[in-house]
Structure formats: C-alpha cells, structure tokens
Amino acid sequence: MATLLAHADASLQLPFAAETKRAKLAILLFDLAATGVTRNALMLSAYLAETADVTLLVVSRNGVLAPLVDPRVHVVALAQPKRRPGLSHLLFAAQRLRVFLRKEAPEMLLSVGNRTHLVASLAGKVGLQTAMVFRLSNSLEHKGGRSGAFGRLRRALSLRLIASSATELLAVSPSVAREAAALGKPVRTIRNGVDVAAVRARSREPVPPHVYLPLDIPWALSVGRLVEQKNHEAAVDALAVANRTTPMALVILGEGSDKARAALRARARRLGVDDRLFIIGTVDNPFPIMRRASVFLMTSLWEGCSNALLEAMACGLPIVASDRAGDAANLLGFGRYGLLVDAANPDDVAAALLTQMGERAVLPGRRIEAFDISVTLRNYADLLV
C-alpha cells in the first residue's frame, strides 16, 4: 500500500489500460482517518471498481485505514500530510487535482467529504469534461455552533462557491437535502448505509490490547472527533448527573488535539467524574469496543446521517441521541428504536442513559436492515456508472 501511494504521489501516472472501455471515476477524500466518511468511501470505491476504473484521490495520505483500500483502486495523494492544513496546503492540493483531471479526464469526480469540496471548487471546472458531484455529508446550517457572524459568513460564501462548481449535489439524508435546496442546484438524496454483516462480524474480534475499558460498571460509548460539532462536553455533563445516583463511565472514541483532550478532562475533574472518563484515540476496528458498551450516546450539535449511529444500531446497542443531530430522529423511528434527548439538558440525557442501561431499554431491533450498505451502493452505481 505504501509503495502504491508513493508511486502515485510522485508521478500522477496511473496504470489505466489504453484499450479498456470501462468508465473512469475519481473519488475525492480528505484523508484515510478512521471516520464514517472514510469507511463509506472505501466501500464505495471497492464496489464501483468491479465495473469501472476508480481512482481514490486523497488530500492527505494520513490515516489508519490505508490498508483497507481495495487493491483494484488506484490511489493518488494530492499533497503532503500536515497536522493542520491551511489555505496554501489546500491550494496546492487543488492545483494537483486540476492536473489530474486534465490528464486523466474521468467522466465524474465525486467529492465525498465536506472538507474536500473546497479543494474541488478551487480546482475549477472551466475547460474540464469531468462532471463534478459533491456529496454533502453534514448539516449546512450548524445550528447551535459557536462560529459567530464571521464564521457563518465564511461558511455561506464557501457553500456558494461549492454550488457554483457542482454539476450535482448529493445529500446523505432528507434533512441535509432540505438545507441544500437553497443553493439552487439539483439535489439528490442517497442515504448513508453500513455493511451490517461486516460490522457484526468484526465486532466479534478482540479489543485492541492497548485499549482499556471499564469492566466493573456500565459505560456509555460516544464516537467522534474531539470538536465542537460532536459536543462531547454535553456527554461529560450527563455523566456527572448520572453518577449522582448510579455509577457509570463514559468512553469517547475519537481523535483530537491535546488541547481538546485536556479541556474535556478538566471539565470532568471539575464535575468530580475524572476517574469515570476514558478518552481513546482512533482504532482500525472500533466495533469490538462498540459491542461491549452498555449504551451508545450521541450528543452532536449537528450531523448529516451519522455512520457511527448506524454502526451502533448494527451492533444492537441501546441508543441515546440528540434530537437535533441531523437524521437521528428518523433513523430511530422518532423514539421507537432508541431515545431522543435535548443534548443541552444534562438531566434529560442522564435519565435516558440510565433508562437505556436498564431492563426497559428501547432497542434498535431490525431497524438497521433498512440502511444496509447494499442499498446505498446500488444507488451510487445508478448515478456514477
């Protein structure tokens, strides 16, 4: 895998057979980190590689999921990895992307993560024959965020640039599609999905030896980067409330800066639950950890269609989810398959956690079958091939 990445990054020369009549498709991804966006992109690229020549373009080749790239998929790293990529880094990646599009002329470029849409937009489409399709994988409005007026203006301008560059927009949920309609471009909804059978099979693997999990008390699992959107602060607050009556722990699975990690620990310490908080980085296979949790907790301020929530449903976990987290209410059948809460109310979240850890827990049942990845992949095949 490392050899393939190095070769692709060095030359942008791809081994497409001259005589082939297979479609050429390119999928643009920010990196190969252990996120739902990455997992979906890898499954999609492998599926489409059965009938088309597929190139996976990554802005940064960082990420633990690199070994999972299908060997039939070509990989091009557009820029060198940087911990905190700035505008110059993105401009360089955009320039490299334009070189690739002019040289290889794929019929379609699919940008699958919100962080890559700006790169594709900066590459421009004038003089290119490639259709530019952007998948909107997260809420556009960021309700409840702390970005302020300048942040909202910057996001609005970015969205307008993206819309002007796009041939078509895809939305991962009806809620995102409703927001995207205001951008004035055709919007098609293709819901996120997960490979239910694979998630369940991999959940039976051992927990990585370096991962410590609480074994003597029930614990909730929260998954996501240590960023504002995921609102892990609300999970820590609820942990403190719940521990007033019932001992429980909170495990957070996700990458983040040392500053973000320290802030969560300081919050837990102020609330007297520092010994009940376990923050784990990313792992290649999160499903053994997920299967062993007592309940899955999602306190996000905004979402599109959470892959982690779908994976937790596939593992059969009781769910507690923020009622503002994108498509969560719909996924959970408005309370039939899990509990919806006001994440701003720690008492509400704590009460739901304790309910879901008890005998009266509301379980996801077979709801996940409606969101199996096979349905999602067929919809993409209809669009792209």
Protein backbone atom coordinates (compact mmCIF):
# COMPACT_ATOMS: atom_id res chain seq x y z
CA MET A 1 0.00 0.00 0.00
CA ALA A 2 2.80 2.41 0.91
CA THR A 3 4.51 1.68 -2.41
CA LEU A 4 1.33 2.39 -4.33
CA LEU A 5 0.83 5.69 -2.54
CA ALA A 6 4.42 6.75 -3.09
CA HIS A 7 4.27 5.88 -6.79
CA ALA A 8 1.01 7.72 -7.33
CA ASP A 9 2.11 10.77 -5.39
CA ALA A 10 5.36 11.02 -7.31
CA SER A 11 4.11 10.93 -10.85
CA LEU A 12 0.33 11.07 -11.17
CA GLN A 13 0.80 8.39 -13.85
CA LEU A 14 -1.92 5.79 -13.43
CA PRO A 15 -1.92 2.29 -14.91
CA PHE A 16 -5.16 2.57 -16.88
CA ALA A 17 -5.16 0.19 -19.83
CA ALA A 18 -5.37 2.07 -23.12
CA GLU A 19 -7.73 -0.42 -24.66
CA THR A 20 -10.24 -0.51 -21.84
CA LYS A 21 -13.69 0.96 -22.33
CA ARG A 22 -14.53 0.96 -18.65
CA ALA A 23 -15.71 4.24 -17.18
CA LYS A 24 -13.18 6.36 -15.33
CA LEU A 25 -14.32 7.60 -11.96
CA ALA A 26 -12.49 9.59 -9.28
CA ILE A 27 -13.47 9.81 -5.61
CA LEU A 28 -12.03 12.72 -3.63
CA LEU A 29 -11.45 12.17 0.09
CA PHE A 30 -9.59 14.30 2.61
CA ASP A 31 -7.59 11.53 4.29
CA LEU A 32 -7.75 7.89 5.38
CA ALA A 33 -8.58 8.50 9.03
CA ALA A 34 -10.92 6.14 10.86
CA THR A 35 -14.13 8.06 10.20
CA GLY A 36 -17.50 7.10 8.81
CA VAL A 37 -16.86 9.18 5.70
CA THR A 38 -13.65 7.26 5.00
CA ARG A 39 -15.23 3.84 5.59
CA ASN A 40 -18.08 4.69 3.23
CA ALA A 41 -15.68 5.97 0.58
CA LEU A 42 -13.59 2.79 0.74
CA MET A 43 -16.66 0.58 0.42
CA LEU A 44 -17.96 2.68 -2.47
CA SER A 45 -14.63 2.66 -4.31
CA ALA A 46 -14.33 -1.13 -3.98
CA TYR A 47 -17.88 -1.67 -5.20
CA LEU A 48 -17.51 0.60 -8.23
CA ALA A 49 -14.11 -0.90 -9.10
CA GLU A 50 -15.94 -4.03 -10.21
CA THR A 51 -17.22 -2.22 -13.30
CA ALA A 52 -15.11 0.94 -13.62
CA ASP A 53 -11.56 2.25 -13.28
CA VAL A 54 -11.65 4.03 -9.92
CA THR A 55 -9.09 6.44 -8.52
CA LEU A 56 -9.16 7.45 -4.88
CA LEU A 57 -7.78 10.96 -4.52
CA VAL A 58 -6.71 11.97 -1.02
CA VAL A 59 -5.63 15.43 0.09
CA SER A 60 -3.52 13.81 2.80
CA ARG A 61 -2.47 10.18 2.93
CA ASN A 62 -2.60 10.18 6.74
CA GLY A 63 -4.87 7.60 8.36
CA VAL A 64 -5.05 4.14 9.85
CA LEU A 65 -7.48 2.88 7.19
CA ALA A 66 -4.93 2.94 4.35
CA PRO A 67 -4.53 -0.87 4.42
CA LEU A 68 -8.26 -1.26 3.73
CA VAL A 69 -8.10 0.33 0.27
CA ASP A 70 -9.16 -2.24 -2.32
CA PRO A 71 -6.17 -3.32 -4.47
CA ARG A 72 -8.18 -2.58 -7.65
CA VAL A 73 -8.47 1.08 -6.65
CA HIS A 74 -5.69 3.45 -7.72
CA VAL A 75 -4.57 5.96 -5.08
CA VAL A 76 -3.25 9.47 -5.64
CA ALA A 77 -2.07 11.66 -2.77
CA LEU A 78 -2.55 15.28 -3.79
CA ALA A 79 -0.46 16.87 -1.05
CA GLN A 80 1.92 16.00 1.73
CA PRO A 81 0.34 15.24 5.10
CA LYS A 82 0.06 18.13 7.53
CA ARG A 83 -1.41 18.07 11.00
CA ARG A 84 -3.33 21.31 10.47
CA PRO A 85 -3.59 22.04 6.73
CA GLY A 86 -4.01 25.70 5.88
CA LEU A 87 -5.11 27.56 2.78
CA SER A 88 -1.77 27.16 0.98
CA HIS A 89 -1.95 23.40 1.55
CA LEU A 90 -5.46 23.26 0.09
CA LEU A 91 -4.48 25.45 -2.88
CA PHE A 92 -1.59 23.12 -3.67
CA ALA A 93 -3.94 20.12 -3.49
CA ALA A 94 -6.41 21.92 -5.78
CA GLN A 95 -3.68 22.59 -8.33
CA ARG A 96 -2.64 18.94 -8.29
CA LEU A 97 -6.27 17.90 -8.62
CA ARG A 98 -6.68 20.05 -11.73
CA VAL A 99 -3.55 18.48 -13.26
CA PHE A 100 -5.02 15.04 -12.61
CA LEU A 101 -8.43 15.92 -14.06
CA ARG A 102 -6.91 17.39 -17.22
CA LYS A 103 -4.56 14.44 -17.72
CA GLU A 104 -6.87 11.55 -16.88
CA ALA A 105 -10.27 13.14 -17.72
CA PRO A 106 -12.52 10.91 -15.61
CA GLU A 107 -16.17 11.06 -16.51
CA MET A 108 -17.03 12.02 -12.95
CA LEU A 109 -15.38 13.33 -9.81
CA LEU A 110 -17.25 12.54 -6.60
CA SER A 111 -16.16 14.62 -3.61
CA VAL A 112 -17.38 12.70 -0.57
CA GLY A 113 -16.33 14.78 2.44
CA ASN A 114 -17.22 18.36 3.26
CA ARG A 115 -13.53 19.25 3.72
CA THR A 116 -12.75 18.27 0.12
CA HIS A 117 -15.48 20.27 -1.61
CA LEU A 118 -13.47 23.47 -1.35
CA VAL A 119 -10.44 21.75 -2.90
CA ALA A 120 -12.57 20.57 -5.84
CA SER A 121 -14.11 24.03 -6.21
CA LEU A 122 -10.70 25.73 -6.23
CA ALA A 123 -9.57 23.31 -8.92
CA GLY A 124 -12.28 24.83 -11.11
CA LYS A 125 -14.27 23.23 -13.88
CA VAL A 126 -13.61 25.56 -16.83
CA GLY A 127 -12.04 23.55 -19.64
CA LEU A 128 -12.70 20.23 -17.92
CA GLN A 129 -15.00 17.50 -19.20
CA THR A 130 -15.45 15.90 -15.79
CA ALA A 131 -18.82 16.11 -14.06
CA MET A 132 -18.35 17.46 -10.52
CA VAL A 133 -20.61 15.81 -7.95
CA PHE A 134 -20.36 16.87 -4.31
CA ARG A 135 -21.79 14.73 -1.51
CA LEU A 136 -23.00 16.86 1.39
CA SER A 137 -22.37 14.63 4.38
CA ASN A 138 -23.16 17.05 7.17
CA SER A 139 -25.65 19.73 8.12
CA LEU A 140 -25.02 23.02 6.33
CA GLU A 141 -26.55 25.25 8.99
CA HIS A 142 -24.51 24.18 12.05
CA LYS A 143 -27.32 25.16 14.40
CA GLY A 144 -26.06 25.56 17.93
CA GLY A 145 -22.48 26.18 16.83
CA ARG A 146 -20.31 28.95 18.24
CA SER A 147 -18.80 30.21 14.97
CA GLY A 148 -20.33 33.70 15.21
CA ALA A 149 -21.25 36.07 12.41
CA PHE A 150 -17.87 35.84 10.64
CA GLY A 151 -17.94 32.05 10.70
CA ARG A 152 -21.46 31.97 9.30
CA LEU A 153 -20.50 34.38 6.52
CA ARG A 154 -17.41 32.35 5.65
CA ARG A 155 -19.47 29.14 5.53
CA ALA A 156 -22.14 30.81 3.37
CA LEU A 157 -19.52 32.03 0.88
CA SER A 158 -17.89 28.59 0.78
CA LEU A 159 -21.24 26.95 0.10
CA ARG A 160 -21.94 29.36 -2.75
CA LEU A 161 -18.54 28.59 -4.28
CA ILE A 162 -19.18 24.87 -3.95
CA ALA A 163 -22.63 25.14 -5.50
CA SER A 164 -21.29 27.16 -8.44
CA SER A 165 -18.68 24.46 -9.14
CA ALA A 166 -21.00 21.47 -8.79
CA THR A 167 -22.77 19.66 -11.59
CA GLU A 168 -24.97 17.99 -8.99
CA LEU A 169 -25.25 17.83 -5.21
CA LEU A 170 -25.88 14.69 -3.20
CA ALA A 171 -27.31 14.67 0.32
CA VAL A 172 -26.87 11.84 2.81
CA SER A 173 -30.25 12.48 4.42
CA PRO A 174 -33.54 14.29 3.79
CA SER A 175 -32.61 16.90 6.41
CA VAL A 176 -29.41 17.81 4.53
CA ALA A 177 -31.32 17.82 1.23
CA ARG A 178 -33.78 20.36 2.62
CA GLU A 179 -30.92 22.66 3.63
CA ALA A 180 -29.11 22.19 0.29
CA ALA A 181 -32.18 23.09 -1.76
CA ALA A 182 -31.46 26.77 -1.07
CA LEU A 183 -28.18 26.52 -3.02
CA GLY A 184 -30.02 26.41 -6.32
CA LYS A 185 -28.52 23.21 -7.72
CA PRO A 186 -30.13 19.80 -8.29
CA VAL A 187 -30.02 17.78 -5.06
CA ARG A 188 -30.35 14.02 -4.92
CA THR A 189 -30.65 12.10 -1.64
CA ILE A 190 -28.65 8.91 -1.20
CA ARG A 191 -28.77 7.85 2.42
CA ASN A 192 -25.72 6.62 4.25
CA GLY A 193 -25.55 2.91 4.92
CA VAL A 194 -23.34 0.40 6.69
CA ASP A 195 -22.27 -3.14 5.89
CA VAL A 196 -24.36 -4.72 8.63
CA ALA A 197 -22.92 -8.21 8.26
CA ALA A 198 -19.33 -6.94 8.26
CA VAL A 199 -19.89 -4.73 11.31
CA ARG A 200 -21.33 -7.65 13.25
CA ALA A 201 -18.55 -10.00 12.16
CA ARG A 202 -15.79 -7.54 13.05
CA SER A 203 -17.43 -6.75 16.38
CA ARG A 204 -16.57 -10.30 17.48
CA GLU A 205 -12.83 -9.64 17.12
CA PRO A 206 -10.74 -8.92 20.24
CA VAL A 207 -10.48 -5.41 21.64
CA PRO A 208 -7.05 -3.95 20.79
CA PRO A 209 -4.68 -4.76 23.67
CA HIS A 210 -3.74 -1.11 24.27
CA VAL A 211 -7.38 -0.10 24.83
CA TYR A 212 -8.55 -0.03 28.43
CA LEU A 213 -12.29 -0.34 29.02
CA PRO A 214 -14.14 -0.13 32.36
CA LEU A 215 -15.30 -3.60 33.33
CA ASP A 216 -16.83 -3.16 36.77
CA ILE A 217 -19.58 -0.62 35.95
CA PRO A 218 -21.88 0.10 32.97
CA TRP A 219 -20.48 2.52 30.42
CA ALA A 220 -21.65 4.66 27.54
CA LEU A 221 -19.76 4.99 24.27
CA SER A 222 -19.52 8.27 22.38
CA VAL A 223 -17.82 8.26 18.96
CA GLY A 224 -16.44 11.24 17.08
CA ARG A 225 -13.58 13.69 16.78
CA LEU A 226 -12.96 16.00 19.73
CA VAL A 227 -14.51 19.00 18.01
CA GLU A 228 -17.37 21.41 18.66
CA GLN A 229 -19.80 19.52 16.41
CA LYS A 230 -19.66 16.32 18.46
CA ASN A 231 -20.43 18.21 21.69
CA HIS A 232 -18.66 15.74 23.97
CA GLU A 233 -18.98 18.35 26.72
CA ALA A 234 -22.67 17.51 26.98
CA ALA A 235 -21.80 13.82 27.37
CA VAL A 236 -19.42 14.64 30.24
CA ASP A 237 -22.10 16.78 31.91
CA ALA A 238 -24.62 13.94 31.65
CA LEU A 239 -22.03 11.53 33.05
CA ALA A 240 -21.74 13.69 36.16
CA VAL A 241 -25.51 13.85 36.64
CA ALA A 242 -25.97 10.10 36.18
CA ASN A 243 -23.23 9.33 38.72
CA ARG A 244 -25.18 11.10 41.43
CA THR A 245 -27.39 8.02 41.62
CA THR A 246 -25.77 5.26 39.57
CA PRO A 247 -22.08 4.52 38.96
CA MET A 248 -21.30 4.57 35.23
CA ALA A 249 -18.44 5.52 32.93
CA LEU A 250 -18.06 7.28 29.60
CA VAL A 251 -15.72 6.12 26.81
CA ILE A 252 -15.01 8.57 23.99
CA LEU A 253 -13.58 7.06 20.83
CA GLY A 254 -12.13 9.70 18.54
CA GLU A 255 -9.07 11.72 17.63
CA GLY A 256 -8.44 15.27 18.73
CA SER A 257 -5.85 17.80 19.79
CA ASP A 258 -4.09 17.69 23.13
CA LYS A 259 -5.90 20.93 23.99
CA ALA A 260 -9.33 19.43 23.31
CA ARG A 261 -8.48 16.32 25.30
CA ALA A 262 -7.21 18.39 28.24
CA ALA A 263 -10.35 20.55 28.19
CA LEU A 264 -12.63 17.51 28.45
CA ARG A 265 -10.54 16.09 31.28
CA ALA A 266 -10.61 19.41 33.12
CA ARG A 267 -14.39 19.53 32.76
CA ALA A 268 -14.72 16.00 34.13
CA ARG A 269 -12.39 16.88 37.01
CA ARG A 270 -14.46 19.94 37.95
CA LEU A 271 -17.58 17.75 37.94
CA GLY A 272 -15.93 15.03 40.02
CA VAL A 273 -16.01 12.28 37.37
CA ASP A 274 -12.46 12.36 36.00
CA ASP A 275 -11.97 8.73 37.03
CA ARG A 276 -15.07 7.76 35.04
CA LEU A 277 -13.94 9.31 31.73
CA PHE A 278 -11.87 7.31 29.22
CA ILE A 279 -10.71 9.05 26.03
CA ILE A 280 -9.37 6.70 23.35
CA GLY A 281 -7.85 7.71 20.04
CA THR A 282 -8.86 6.17 16.74
CA VAL A 283 -8.59 2.45 16.11
CA ASP A 284 -8.79 0.45 12.91
CA ASN A 285 -11.69 -1.64 14.18
CA PRO A 286 -13.99 0.16 16.67
CA PHE A 287 -16.71 -2.49 16.60
CA PRO A 288 -15.44 -4.79 19.39
CA ILE A 289 -15.44 -1.72 21.63
CA MET A 290 -18.89 -0.75 20.43
CA ARG A 291 -20.33 -4.21 21.04
CA ARG A 292 -19.13 -4.21 24.65
CA ALA A 293 -20.69 -0.84 25.53
CA SER A 294 -23.82 -0.65 27.65
CA VAL A 295 -25.32 2.17 25.56
CA PHE A 296 -24.36 4.38 22.62
CA LEU A 297 -24.53 8.13 23.24
CA MET A 298 -24.56 10.83 20.55
CA THR A 299 -24.79 14.43 21.77
CA SER A 300 -23.85 16.13 18.47
CA LEU A 301 -24.97 19.68 17.79
CA TRP A 302 -25.42 18.81 14.14
CA GLU A 303 -24.98 15.81 11.84
CA GLY A 304 -25.93 14.63 8.39
CA CYS A 305 -26.61 10.92 8.71
CA SER A 306 -24.28 9.57 11.38
CA ASN A 307 -22.34 6.47 10.35
CA ALA A 308 -21.43 5.83 13.98
CA LEU A 309 -25.11 5.78 14.91
CA LEU A 310 -25.84 3.28 12.14
CA GLU A 311 -22.92 1.12 13.27
CA ALA A 312 -24.16 1.16 16.85
CA MET A 313 -27.59 0.06 15.61
CA ALA A 314 -25.92 -2.78 13.69
CA CYS A 315 -24.26 -3.85 16.94
CA GLY A 316 -27.68 -3.90 18.63
CA LEU A 317 -26.78 -1.24 21.19
CA PRO A 318 -29.41 0.78 23.05
CA ILE A 319 -29.18 4.34 21.69
CA VAL A 320 -29.43 7.80 23.23
CA ALA A 321 -29.17 10.52 20.57
CA SER A 322 -29.57 14.26 20.35
CA ASP A 323 -32.85 15.20 18.69
CA ARG A 324 -31.06 17.88 16.65
CA ALA A 325 -28.38 15.56 15.24
CA GLY A 326 -29.39 15.51 11.58
CA ASP A 327 -31.32 12.40 10.62
CA ALA A 328 -31.12 10.76 14.07
CA ALA A 329 -34.84 11.15 14.81
CA ASN A 330 -35.78 9.49 11.53
CA LEU A 331 -33.22 6.70 11.92
CA LEU A 332 -34.60 5.91 15.38
CA GLY A 333 -38.20 5.97 14.24
CA PHE A 334 -38.88 9.07 16.37
CA GLY A 335 -38.32 7.09 19.54
CA ARG A 336 -39.37 3.57 18.52
CA TYR A 337 -35.80 2.28 18.17
CA GLY A 338 -33.90 4.49 20.62
CA LEU A 339 -34.31 7.50 22.86
CA LEU A 340 -34.08 11.08 21.60
CA VAL A 341 -32.99 13.81 24.01
CA ASP A 342 -32.28 17.50 24.29
CA ALA A 343 -28.49 17.39 24.48
CA ALA A 344 -28.44 20.81 26.13
CA ASN A 345 -30.22 19.34 29.16
CA PRO A 346 -27.84 17.10 31.16
CA ASP A 347 -30.67 15.82 33.35
CA ASP A 348 -32.60 14.70 30.26
CA VAL A 349 -29.53 12.94 28.80
CA ALA A 350 -28.62 11.29 32.11
CA ALA A 351 -32.16 9.98 32.63
CA ALA A 352 -32.16 8.50 29.13
CA LEU A 353 -28.78 6.86 29.71
CA LEU A 354 -29.98 5.19 32.89
CA THR A 355 -33.17 4.00 31.17
CA GLN A 356 -31.19 2.53 28.28
CA MET A 357 -28.90 0.70 30.71
CA GLY A 358 -31.83 -0.93 32.45
CA GLU A 359 -34.45 -3.59 31.80
CA ARG A 360 -36.76 -1.14 30.00
CA ALA A 361 -34.22 -0.22 27.35
CA VAL A 362 -35.57 0.65 23.89
CA LEU A 363 -33.60 -1.46 21.39
CA PRO A 364 -32.97 -0.84 17.67
CA GLY A 365 -34.26 -4.29 16.70
CA ARG A 366 -34.13 -4.87 12.94
CA ARG A 367 -34.35 -1.19 12.02
CA ILE A 368 -30.78 -1.21 10.65
CA GLU A 369 -31.77 -3.55 7.82
CA ALA A 370 -33.35 -0.59 6.04
CA PHE A 371 -29.93 1.11 5.94
CA ASP A 372 -27.71 -1.74 4.80
CA ILE A 373 -24.87 -0.58 2.57
CA SER A 374 -26.12 -2.70 -0.35
CA VAL A 375 -28.98 -0.26 -0.91
CA THR A 376 -26.64 2.74 -0.76
CA LEU A 377 -24.13 1.22 -3.18
CA ARG A 378 -26.77 0.35 -5.76
CA ASN A 379 -27.97 3.96 -5.68
CA TYR A 380 -24.42 5.22 -6.28
CA ALA A 381 -23.90 2.73 -9.09
CA ASP A 382 -27.01 4.04 -10.80
CA LEU A 383 -25.66 7.56 -10.50
CA LEU A 384 -22.00 7.09 -11.36
CA VAL A 385 -21.71 4.26 -13.86
